[in-house]
Amino acid sequence: MTEEPAVRVVVHDRGRDLAGVVRHGESWASAARRTVASFHVEPVPVDLSGEVKHFVVDHDTRVTVRAMTRGDLPDLTRWRQSEHVHRWWASDGEPTPDLVAEKYGPSIDGMTPTRMWVTEVNGRSVGFLQDYRVGDYPDYALLGPDPDAIGLDYAIGEPAWTGRGLGVRVLWAWMLRTRHRFPDSRAFFAAPDHRNGASLRILAKAGFTEGLWFDEPQDDGSVDTVVGCTLDVPRVLG
C-alpha cells in the first residue's frame, strides 16, 4: 500500500513562515505548536481547509470564551436583533427581551442540556455560542451522524467584528475549551443553513468537513435544509 503524503503545516509569525509536517498519530494543533515550540507561543488557525494547514501567531488579538450569565441577556437580545444574525435565527422567534430571556435563561441557569457562552475579543463581548451533546436531544440525534458528538451553534453579534476573519478564532477558542470539558468526545458537529456560505467557509477553515444535507424542523414549524459539518477531534486537536 502507498502511504498517504504527510500533512504540512505552516505557522505565520510577523513575516516569518515556519514550516513543518504532521507526524504519524499527531494532531494538526500539536504539529503547529511543535513547529514554533522554541518561541513559546500558541499558534491559532487561519485556514485548515486545504492540503497545507495554515496557522498564525497573533500577538495583538486575544479571543476567549466564557460562560454566559443573565447579565449578558441585553447583549444577547441586541445580537439576536441584528440583521445579519436574525436572518439565520428567525425561526427561533422574534427576539424581544422577554422572549430571549424565556428561551435562553434556563440554559444559562443550567436547567437544560444546552450551555451558553460569550465570545470576547481583548475583553470585549462580541458574540455568543451554544453547545450540547447531540444525544441529549433525541429528535435531533436521529438526524446527526454521532449522538456522542458535541453540537454547536454560534454567531458574531457585533457587526463591526464581522468579515474580519474572526470566526475561525472564535471556533478555535470554543474547541479548545470544549476538548477539556468533554475529553471523551471524538467529534464536534455544526449544521448551518445550506445558504449560509459564510458560516460554511468558517467551519471549513476551522477544520470541519461537510457531510450530508438534511431537513431540520424548526421551532416555528418550518423546515430548514442544513449541511452537517463534523470536526474530527483527535485529528485536529489531539
Protein backbone atom coordinates (compact mmCIF):
# COMPACT_ATOMS: atom_id res chain seq x y z
CA MET A 1 0.00 0.00 0.00
CA THR A 2 1.13 3.54 -0.76
CA GLU A 3 1.39 5.73 2.30
CA GLU A 4 -0.52 8.99 2.24
CA PRO A 5 1.73 12.05 1.96
CA ALA A 6 2.43 13.85 5.23
CA VAL A 7 0.18 16.76 6.05
CA ARG A 8 2.09 20.03 6.05
CA VAL A 9 1.62 22.93 8.48
CA VAL A 10 2.81 26.50 8.11
CA VAL A 11 2.82 28.95 11.02
CA HIS A 12 2.96 32.63 10.07
CA ASP A 13 4.59 34.94 12.60
CA ARG A 14 5.27 38.60 11.79
CA GLY A 15 6.54 37.98 8.29
CA ARG A 16 8.19 34.65 9.05
CA ASP A 17 6.77 31.39 7.70
CA LEU A 18 7.72 28.39 9.81
CA ALA A 19 7.01 25.09 8.07
CA GLY A 20 6.56 21.61 9.49
CA VAL A 21 4.82 18.30 8.94
CA VAL A 22 2.31 16.34 10.98
CA ARG A 23 3.89 13.19 12.35
CA HIS A 24 2.08 9.88 12.42
CA GLY A 25 -0.58 9.97 15.13
CA GLU A 26 -0.05 13.68 15.77
CA SER A 27 -2.82 16.26 15.58
CA TRP A 28 -2.63 19.37 13.41
CA ALA A 29 -2.68 21.59 16.51
CA SER A 30 0.18 19.66 18.13
CA ALA A 31 2.25 19.85 14.94
CA ALA A 32 1.76 23.61 14.79
CA ARG A 33 2.79 24.01 18.43
CA ARG A 34 5.87 21.86 17.88
CA THR A 35 6.82 23.92 14.83
CA VAL A 36 7.05 27.10 16.95
CA ALA A 37 7.97 25.46 20.26
CA SER A 38 11.17 27.47 20.64
CA PHE A 39 9.20 30.74 20.62
CA HIS A 40 6.89 29.71 23.48
CA VAL A 41 3.79 30.99 21.68
CA GLU A 42 0.40 29.50 20.88
CA PRO A 43 -0.45 29.31 17.16
CA VAL A 44 -4.08 29.64 16.09
CA PRO A 45 -5.60 28.52 12.79
CA VAL A 46 -6.12 30.73 9.77
CA ASP A 47 -7.22 28.09 7.28
CA LEU A 48 -7.28 24.32 7.82
CA SER A 49 -9.37 23.55 4.74
CA GLY A 50 -6.55 22.98 2.25
CA GLU A 51 -3.74 20.49 1.86
CA VAL A 52 -1.46 22.81 3.85
CA LYS A 53 -2.76 23.75 7.31
CA HIS A 54 -2.13 27.44 7.95
CA PHE A 55 -1.71 28.82 11.47
CA VAL A 56 -0.67 32.22 12.75
CA VAL A 57 0.84 33.64 15.92
CA ASP A 58 -1.38 36.60 16.80
CA HIS A 59 0.38 38.93 19.21
CA ASP A 60 -2.40 41.53 19.32
CA THR A 61 -5.80 39.80 19.42
CA ARG A 62 -6.91 37.56 22.27
CA VAL A 63 -10.11 35.59 21.69
CA THR A 64 -11.67 33.82 24.66
CA VAL A 65 -14.93 32.08 25.54
CA ARG A 66 -16.65 32.41 28.92
CA ALA A 67 -19.88 31.16 30.42
CA MET A 68 -22.88 33.39 29.76
CA THR A 69 -24.76 34.92 32.69
CA ARG A 70 -28.16 36.57 32.88
CA GLY A 71 -26.30 39.87 32.89
CA ASP A 72 -25.45 39.14 29.24
CA LEU A 73 -29.11 38.91 28.16
CA PRO A 74 -29.30 42.56 26.96
CA ASP A 75 -26.28 41.96 24.71
CA LEU A 76 -27.72 38.64 23.54
CA THR A 77 -31.03 40.34 22.71
CA ARG A 78 -29.25 43.04 20.73
CA TRP A 79 -27.17 40.47 18.86
CA ARG A 80 -30.23 38.38 18.03
CA GLN A 81 -31.95 41.53 16.73
CA SER A 82 -29.08 42.49 14.41
CA GLU A 83 -29.93 41.89 10.77
CA HIS A 84 -27.00 39.59 9.96
CA VAL A 85 -27.85 37.27 12.89
CA HIS A 86 -31.65 37.44 12.74
CA ARG A 87 -31.58 36.21 9.14
CA TRP A 88 -30.34 32.78 10.24
CA TRP A 89 -32.13 32.60 13.61
CA ALA A 90 -35.56 33.91 12.56
CA SER A 91 -37.27 30.56 13.18
CA ASP A 92 -36.41 30.90 16.89
CA GLY A 93 -38.99 33.67 17.16
CA GLU A 94 -38.93 37.46 17.39
CA PRO A 95 -36.00 38.33 19.70
CA THR A 96 -37.78 40.58 22.18
CA PRO A 97 -36.15 40.90 25.61
CA ASP A 98 -38.86 38.75 27.20
CA LEU A 99 -38.64 36.01 24.58
CA VAL A 100 -34.84 35.92 24.70
CA ALA A 101 -34.90 35.64 28.49
CA GLU A 102 -37.53 32.90 28.33
CA LYS A 103 -35.68 30.94 25.65
CA TYR A 104 -32.10 31.20 26.89
CA GLY A 105 -32.49 31.84 30.62
CA PRO A 106 -32.97 28.16 31.57
CA SER A 107 -29.83 27.19 29.67
CA ILE A 108 -27.86 29.97 31.33
CA ASP A 109 -29.12 28.66 34.69
CA GLY A 110 -28.01 25.11 33.86
CA MET A 111 -31.55 23.75 33.63
CA THR A 112 -31.25 22.30 30.09
CA PRO A 113 -28.60 20.20 28.30
CA THR A 114 -27.57 23.31 26.35
CA ARG A 115 -24.86 25.60 27.68
CA MET A 116 -24.50 29.24 26.65
CA TRP A 117 -21.19 31.05 26.09
CA VAL A 118 -19.99 34.55 25.29
CA THR A 119 -17.11 35.28 22.93
CA GLU A 120 -14.74 38.03 23.98
CA VAL A 121 -12.08 39.79 21.92
CA ASN A 122 -9.48 41.52 24.07
CA GLY A 123 -12.03 41.52 26.89
CA ARG A 124 -14.94 42.90 24.86
CA SER A 125 -18.06 40.77 24.36
CA VAL A 126 -18.73 40.37 20.63
CA GLY A 127 -20.93 37.27 20.18
CA PHE A 128 -22.33 34.06 21.59
CA LEU A 129 -22.27 30.29 21.25
CA GLN A 130 -24.43 27.45 22.48
CA ASP A 131 -23.39 23.82 22.72
CA TYR A 132 -24.91 20.50 23.73
CA ARG A 133 -24.36 16.78 23.46
CA VAL A 134 -26.30 15.79 20.34
CA GLY A 135 -27.71 12.67 22.02
CA ASP A 136 -29.36 14.80 24.71
CA TYR A 137 -31.88 15.88 22.06
CA PRO A 138 -33.22 12.55 20.71
CA ASP A 139 -35.14 14.01 17.76
CA TYR A 140 -32.04 15.88 16.60
CA ALA A 141 -29.80 12.87 17.26
CA LEU A 142 -31.73 10.95 14.62
CA LEU A 143 -30.57 13.47 12.04
CA GLY A 144 -26.91 13.74 13.07
CA PRO A 145 -24.16 11.19 12.42
CA ASP A 146 -22.99 10.73 16.03
CA PRO A 147 -25.16 11.10 19.16
CA ASP A 148 -21.99 11.49 21.25
CA ALA A 149 -20.82 14.46 19.20
CA ILE A 150 -20.92 17.92 20.77
CA GLY A 151 -23.22 20.17 18.77
CA LEU A 152 -22.54 23.85 18.25
CA ASP A 153 -24.37 27.00 17.13
CA TYR A 154 -22.62 30.35 17.09
CA ALA A 155 -22.87 33.95 15.92
CA ILE A 156 -20.68 37.04 15.97
CA GLY A 157 -23.21 39.59 17.10
CA GLU A 158 -21.27 42.84 16.80
CA PRO A 159 -21.46 44.00 13.15
CA ALA A 160 -18.08 45.74 13.44
CA TRP A 161 -16.42 42.38 14.08
CA THR A 162 -17.93 40.50 11.14
CA GLY A 163 -15.99 39.95 7.93
CA ARG A 164 -12.63 40.24 9.70
CA GLY A 165 -11.65 36.58 9.85
CA LEU A 166 -12.67 36.31 13.48
CA GLY A 167 -14.99 33.34 13.06
CA VAL A 168 -12.22 30.75 12.87
CA ARG A 169 -10.65 32.17 16.03
CA VAL A 170 -14.00 32.03 17.84
CA LEU A 171 -14.50 28.39 16.92
CA TRP A 172 -10.94 27.54 17.92
CA ALA A 173 -11.32 29.14 21.35
CA TRP A 174 -14.53 27.19 21.86
CA MET A 175 -12.97 23.95 20.57
CA LEU A 176 -10.01 24.12 22.95
CA ARG A 177 -12.30 24.71 25.92
CA THR A 178 -14.77 22.03 24.86
CA ARG A 179 -11.98 19.49 24.36
CA HIS A 180 -11.29 19.70 28.10
CA ARG A 181 -14.98 19.72 29.06
CA PHE A 182 -15.70 16.59 27.03
CA PRO A 183 -12.40 14.68 26.90
CA ASP A 184 -14.05 11.52 25.56
CA SER A 185 -15.83 13.24 22.66
CA ARG A 186 -14.31 12.44 19.29
CA ALA A 187 -16.43 14.77 17.17
CA PHE A 188 -17.88 18.27 17.13
CA PHE A 189 -20.90 18.94 14.94
CA ALA A 190 -22.49 22.04 13.40
CA ALA A 191 -25.31 22.27 10.87
CA PRO A 192 -25.66 25.72 9.30
CA ASP A 193 -28.29 26.58 6.72
CA HIS A 194 -27.19 25.47 3.26
CA ARG A 195 -27.48 29.09 2.06
CA ASN A 196 -25.14 30.38 4.77
CA GLY A 197 -21.96 30.33 2.73
CA ALA A 198 -20.03 32.47 5.21
CA SER A 199 -20.61 30.02 8.07
CA LEU A 200 -19.73 27.04 5.90
CA ARG A 201 -16.44 28.70 4.92
CA ILE A 202 -15.61 29.49 8.55
CA LEU A 203 -16.30 25.91 9.62
CA ALA A 204 -14.12 24.55 6.81
CA LYS A 205 -11.26 26.85 7.77
CA ALA A 206 -11.58 25.69 11.38
CA GLY A 207 -11.16 22.06 10.31
CA PHE A 208 -14.77 20.88 9.89
CA THR A 209 -15.71 18.62 6.98
CA GLU A 210 -19.02 18.94 5.15
CA GLY A 211 -21.27 15.89 5.16
CA LEU A 212 -24.90 15.11 4.50
CA TRP A 213 -27.57 17.72 3.89
CA PHE A 214 -30.77 17.15 5.84
CA ASP A 215 -34.03 18.91 6.67
CA GLU A 216 -34.17 20.19 10.25
CA PRO A 217 -37.58 21.02 11.81
CA GLN A 218 -37.65 24.46 13.44
CA ASP A 219 -39.48 25.80 16.49
CA ASP A 220 -41.92 27.76 14.32
CA GLY A 221 -42.98 24.67 12.36
CA SER A 222 -40.84 25.41 9.31
CA VAL A 223 -38.07 23.19 7.96
CA ASP A 224 -34.55 24.37 7.10
CA THR A 225 -32.20 22.48 4.83
CA VAL A 226 -28.87 22.38 6.65
CA VAL A 227 -25.40 20.98 5.99
CA GLY A 228 -23.94 18.63 8.60
CA CYS A 229 -20.33 19.60 9.31
CA THR A 230 -18.14 17.42 11.53
CA LEU A 231 -14.79 18.02 13.14
CA ASP A 232 -12.57 15.00 13.86
CA VAL A 233 -11.31 15.97 17.32
CA PRO A 234 -8.30 13.58 17.55
CA ARG A 235 -7.06 14.55 14.08
CA VAL A 236 -7.40 18.32 14.52
CA LEU A 237 -6.92 18.90 18.25
CA GLY A 238 -5.40 15.68 19.56
